[in-house]
């Protein structure tokens, strides 16, 4: 495996002025956050365990999907009711 520039033996890299992507609950007093970058030239980093956004996002998608399905079924029922009333009034 080729060595990466600025990579330490424990796979940590010290890069200053990098924007951290993710939700930061508490910021350390020394303003240092453990985050992951792909290479030493990156300008953004992700927090360890930054996948915490997945559960709320998936919950939102499920709720939106259920709401869309419910609206579609309600529209179909209204169309059916309208068709039945039209057929009854025609006879």
N, C-alpha and C. Protein backbone atom coordinates (compact mmCIF):
# COMPACT_ATOMS: atom_id res chain seq x y z
N UNK A 1 0.85 -1.17 0.00
CA UNK A 1 0.00 0.00 0.00
C UNK A 1 0.90 1.23 0.00
N UNK A 2 0.69 2.17 -0.94
CA UNK A 2 1.54 3.35 -0.99
C UNK A 2 1.26 4.26 0.20
N UNK A 3 2.28 4.94 0.66
CA UNK A 3 2.10 5.84 1.80
C UNK A 3 1.46 7.13 1.33
N UNK A 4 0.66 7.70 2.20
CA UNK A 4 -0.01 8.95 1.90
C UNK A 4 0.80 10.10 2.50
N UNK A 5 0.84 11.24 1.83
CA UNK A 5 1.56 12.37 2.40
C UNK A 5 0.87 12.86 3.67
N UNK A 6 1.62 13.28 4.63
CA UNK A 6 1.14 13.81 5.90
C UNK A 6 0.36 12.80 6.73
N UNK A 7 0.47 11.51 6.41
CA UNK A 7 -0.25 10.49 7.16
C UNK A 7 0.64 9.96 8.27
N UNK A 8 0.12 9.91 9.47
CA UNK A 8 0.87 9.36 10.59
C UNK A 8 0.69 7.85 10.61
N UNK A 9 1.48 7.16 11.42
CA UNK A 9 1.39 5.71 11.47
C UNK A 9 0.06 5.23 12.02
N UNK A 10 -0.61 6.05 12.83
CA UNK A 10 -1.92 5.65 13.36
C UNK A 10 -3.07 6.18 12.49
N UNK A 11 -2.77 6.58 11.24
CA UNK A 11 -3.75 7.03 10.25
C UNK A 11 -4.44 8.33 10.65
N UNK A 12 -3.79 9.18 11.39
CA UNK A 12 -4.34 10.49 11.69
C UNK A 12 -3.59 11.53 10.89
N UNK A 13 -4.27 12.59 10.56
CA UNK A 13 -3.67 13.68 9.81
C UNK A 13 -4.06 14.97 10.50
N UNK A 14 -3.15 15.87 10.65
CA UNK A 14 -3.43 17.16 11.25
C UNK A 14 -3.51 18.20 10.14
N UNK A 15 -4.73 18.61 9.79
CA UNK A 15 -4.95 19.60 8.74
C UNK A 15 -5.72 20.75 9.37
N UNK A 16 -5.20 21.95 9.25
CA UNK A 16 -5.89 23.10 9.84
C UNK A 16 -6.83 23.72 8.82
N UNK A 17 -7.80 24.47 9.31
CA UNK A 17 -8.78 25.19 8.50
C UNK A 17 -9.58 24.27 7.58
N UNK A 18 -10.13 23.23 8.15
CA UNK A 18 -10.98 22.30 7.42
C UNK A 18 -12.39 22.42 7.96
N UNK A 19 -13.37 22.54 7.07
CA UNK A 19 -14.77 22.58 7.48
C UNK A 19 -15.22 21.17 7.83
N UNK A 20 -15.89 21.02 8.96
CA UNK A 20 -16.36 19.71 9.40
C UNK A 20 -17.82 19.57 9.01
N UNK A 21 -18.12 18.52 8.26
CA UNK A 21 -19.47 18.24 7.80
C UNK A 21 -20.14 17.31 8.81
N UNK A 22 -21.25 17.73 9.37
CA UNK A 22 -21.97 16.92 10.34
C UNK A 22 -22.54 17.79 11.45
N UNK A 23 -23.23 17.16 12.37
CA UNK A 23 -23.82 17.86 13.50
C UNK A 23 -22.85 17.78 14.67
N UNK A 24 -22.47 18.93 15.17
CA UNK A 24 -21.54 19.00 16.29
C UNK A 24 -22.34 19.34 17.54
N UNK A 25 -22.48 18.35 18.43
CA UNK A 25 -23.25 18.55 19.67
C UNK A 25 -22.49 19.43 20.65
N UNK A 26 -21.25 19.08 20.91
CA UNK A 26 -20.42 19.86 21.82
C UNK A 26 -19.06 20.07 21.18
N UNK A 27 -18.56 21.26 21.32
CA UNK A 27 -17.24 21.59 20.74
C UNK A 27 -16.22 21.61 21.87
N UNK A 28 -15.10 20.90 21.70
CA UNK A 28 -14.06 20.90 22.74
C UNK A 28 -13.49 22.30 22.95
N UNK A 29 -12.95 22.52 24.13
CA UNK A 29 -12.41 23.84 24.48
C UNK A 29 -11.24 24.23 23.59
N UNK A 30 -10.42 23.26 23.18
CA UNK A 30 -9.27 23.60 22.34
C UNK A 30 -9.62 23.68 20.86
N UNK A 31 -10.91 23.56 20.52
CA UNK A 31 -11.41 23.68 19.15
C UNK A 31 -10.85 22.61 18.21
N UNK A 32 -10.49 21.44 18.76
CA UNK A 32 -9.98 20.34 17.96
C UNK A 32 -11.03 19.23 17.93
N UNK A 33 -11.39 18.81 16.74
CA UNK A 33 -12.39 17.75 16.58
C UNK A 33 -11.78 16.56 15.86
N UNK A 34 -12.03 15.33 16.34
CA UNK A 34 -11.59 14.17 15.56
C UNK A 34 -12.52 13.98 14.38
N UNK A 35 -11.98 14.05 13.19
CA UNK A 35 -12.79 13.93 11.98
C UNK A 35 -12.01 13.14 10.93
N UNK A 36 -12.71 12.66 9.93
CA UNK A 36 -12.10 11.85 8.88
C UNK A 36 -11.99 12.65 7.58
N UNK A 37 -10.84 12.55 6.92
CA UNK A 37 -10.63 13.14 5.60
C UNK A 37 -10.11 12.05 4.68
N UNK A 38 -10.28 12.25 3.39
CA UNK A 38 -9.78 11.27 2.42
C UNK A 38 -8.31 11.49 2.10
N UNK A 39 -7.89 12.74 2.03
CA UNK A 39 -6.49 13.02 1.73
C UNK A 39 -6.09 14.34 2.38
N UNK A 40 -4.81 14.64 2.34
CA UNK A 40 -4.32 15.85 3.00
C UNK A 40 -4.76 17.12 2.28
N UNK A 41 -5.23 17.01 1.05
CA UNK A 41 -5.68 18.19 0.31
C UNK A 41 -7.16 18.48 0.47
N UNK A 42 -7.86 17.72 1.29
CA UNK A 42 -9.30 17.93 1.46
C UNK A 42 -9.59 19.23 2.19
N UNK A 43 -10.75 19.80 1.88
CA UNK A 43 -11.20 21.01 2.56
C UNK A 43 -12.37 20.75 3.49
N UNK A 44 -12.95 19.56 3.41
CA UNK A 44 -14.03 19.17 4.33
C UNK A 44 -13.71 17.82 4.94
N UNK A 45 -14.21 17.62 6.14
CA UNK A 45 -14.02 16.37 6.87
C UNK A 45 -15.36 15.94 7.44
N UNK A 46 -15.50 14.66 7.75
CA UNK A 46 -16.71 14.16 8.39
C UNK A 46 -16.35 13.66 9.78
N UNK A 47 -17.28 13.84 10.70
CA UNK A 47 -17.07 13.37 12.06
C UNK A 47 -17.13 11.86 12.11
N UNK A 48 -16.41 11.27 13.04
CA UNK A 48 -16.56 9.83 13.28
C UNK A 48 -17.99 9.58 13.70
N UNK A 49 -18.62 8.59 13.12
CA UNK A 49 -20.01 8.30 13.47
C UNK A 49 -20.98 9.34 12.93
N UNK A 50 -20.62 9.99 11.82
CA UNK A 50 -21.49 11.04 11.30
C UNK A 50 -22.70 10.47 10.58
N UNK A 51 -22.90 9.16 10.64
CA UNK A 51 -24.08 8.55 10.04
C UNK A 51 -25.32 8.70 10.89
N UNK A 52 -25.25 9.49 11.95
CA UNK A 52 -26.41 9.66 12.84
C UNK A 52 -27.56 10.37 12.16
N UNK A 53 -27.34 10.97 11.01
CA UNK A 53 -28.40 11.63 10.27
C UNK A 53 -29.27 10.63 9.52
N UNK A 54 -28.82 9.39 9.37
CA UNK A 54 -29.53 8.43 8.53
C UNK A 54 -30.89 8.04 9.09
N UNK A 55 -30.99 7.82 10.39
CA UNK A 55 -32.26 7.38 10.97
C UNK A 55 -33.33 8.46 10.84
N UNK A 56 -33.06 9.72 11.21
CA UNK A 56 -34.10 10.74 11.01
C UNK A 56 -34.46 10.94 9.54
N UNK A 57 -33.47 10.83 8.65
CA UNK A 57 -33.75 11.00 7.23
C UNK A 57 -34.63 9.87 6.71
N UNK A 58 -34.29 8.64 7.07
CA UNK A 58 -35.10 7.51 6.63
C UNK A 58 -36.51 7.56 7.21
N UNK A 59 -36.64 8.01 8.45
CA UNK A 59 -37.96 8.17 9.05
C UNK A 59 -38.78 9.19 8.27
N UNK A 60 -38.16 10.30 7.89
CA UNK A 60 -38.85 11.31 7.09
C UNK A 60 -39.27 10.79 5.74
N UNK A 61 -38.41 10.00 5.10
CA UNK A 61 -38.75 9.44 3.79
C UNK A 61 -39.92 8.47 3.91
N UNK A 62 -39.94 7.66 4.96
CA UNK A 62 -41.05 6.73 5.17
C UNK A 62 -42.35 7.49 5.40
N UNK A 63 -42.31 8.54 6.20
CA UNK A 63 -43.52 9.34 6.47
C UNK A 63 -44.01 10.00 5.19
N UNK A 64 -43.09 10.57 4.41
CA UNK A 64 -43.50 11.20 3.15
C UNK A 64 -44.06 10.17 2.17
N UNK A 65 -43.45 9.00 2.11
CA UNK A 65 -43.96 7.94 1.24
C UNK A 65 -45.34 7.49 1.64
N UNK A 66 -45.56 7.30 2.95
CA UNK A 66 -46.88 6.90 3.43
C UNK A 66 -47.92 7.98 3.13
N UNK A 67 -47.54 9.24 3.33
CA UNK A 67 -48.47 10.33 3.06
C UNK A 67 -48.83 10.38 1.58
N UNK A 68 -47.85 10.21 0.70
CA UNK A 68 -48.12 10.21 -0.74
C UNK A 68 -49.03 9.04 -1.12
N UNK A 69 -48.77 7.86 -0.53
CA UNK A 69 -49.62 6.70 -0.81
C UNK A 69 -51.05 6.95 -0.32
N UNK A 70 -51.18 7.55 0.86
CA UNK A 70 -52.52 7.81 1.42
C UNK A 70 -53.29 8.82 0.58
N UNK A 71 -52.60 9.86 0.12
CA UNK A 71 -53.26 10.86 -0.74
C UNK A 71 -53.70 10.21 -2.05
N UNK A 72 -52.86 9.35 -2.60
CA UNK A 72 -53.21 8.68 -3.85
C UNK A 72 -54.43 7.78 -3.66
N UNK A 73 -54.48 7.03 -2.54
CA UNK A 73 -55.64 6.17 -2.32
C UNK A 73 -56.91 6.98 -2.07
N UNK A 74 -56.79 8.09 -1.36
CA UNK A 74 -57.97 8.93 -1.10
C UNK A 74 -58.49 9.52 -2.41
N UNK A 75 -57.58 9.93 -3.30
CA UNK A 75 -58.02 10.46 -4.59
C UNK A 75 -58.72 9.38 -5.40
N UNK A 76 -58.22 8.16 -5.35
CA UNK A 76 -58.85 7.06 -6.10
C UNK A 76 -60.25 6.78 -5.54
N UNK A 77 -60.39 6.80 -4.23
CA UNK A 77 -61.71 6.58 -3.62
C UNK A 77 -62.69 7.70 -3.99
N UNK A 78 -62.20 8.94 -4.01
CA UNK A 78 -63.08 10.05 -4.40
C UNK A 78 -63.51 9.94 -5.86
N UNK A 79 -62.58 9.52 -6.74
CA UNK A 79 -62.94 9.32 -8.14
C UNK A 79 -63.99 8.21 -8.29
N UNK A 80 -63.82 7.13 -7.54
CA UNK A 80 -64.77 6.03 -7.59
C UNK A 80 -66.14 6.47 -7.10
N UNK A 81 -66.17 7.23 -6.01
CA UNK A 81 -67.44 7.73 -5.48
C UNK A 81 -68.12 8.64 -6.48
N UNK A 82 -67.33 9.51 -7.13
CA UNK A 82 -67.88 10.41 -8.13
C UNK A 82 -68.43 9.63 -9.32
N UNK A 83 -67.73 8.57 -9.75
CA UNK A 83 -68.19 7.76 -10.87
C UNK A 83 -69.48 7.04 -10.53
N UNK A 84 -69.59 6.55 -9.29
CA UNK A 84 -70.82 5.85 -8.87
C UNK A 84 -71.98 6.83 -8.85
N UNK A 85 -71.79 8.04 -8.32
CA UNK A 85 -72.87 9.03 -8.27
C UNK A 85 -73.29 9.43 -9.69
N UNK A 86 -72.32 9.56 -10.58
CA UNK A 86 -72.65 9.91 -11.96
C UNK A 86 -73.44 8.80 -12.63
N UNK A 87 -73.05 7.56 -12.38
CA UNK A 87 -73.77 6.42 -12.95
C UNK A 87 -75.19 6.32 -12.39
N UNK A 88 -75.35 6.59 -11.07
CA UNK A 88 -76.69 6.52 -10.46
C UNK A 88 -77.57 7.62 -10.97
N UNK A 89 -77.04 8.80 -11.18
CA UNK A 89 -77.87 9.90 -11.66
C UNK A 89 -78.22 9.75 -13.14
N UNK A 90 -77.43 8.98 -13.89
CA UNK A 90 -77.70 8.78 -15.31
C UNK A 90 -78.84 7.78 -15.51
N UNK A 91 -79.11 6.93 -14.52
CA UNK A 91 -80.16 5.93 -14.69
C UNK A 91 -81.49 6.41 -14.23
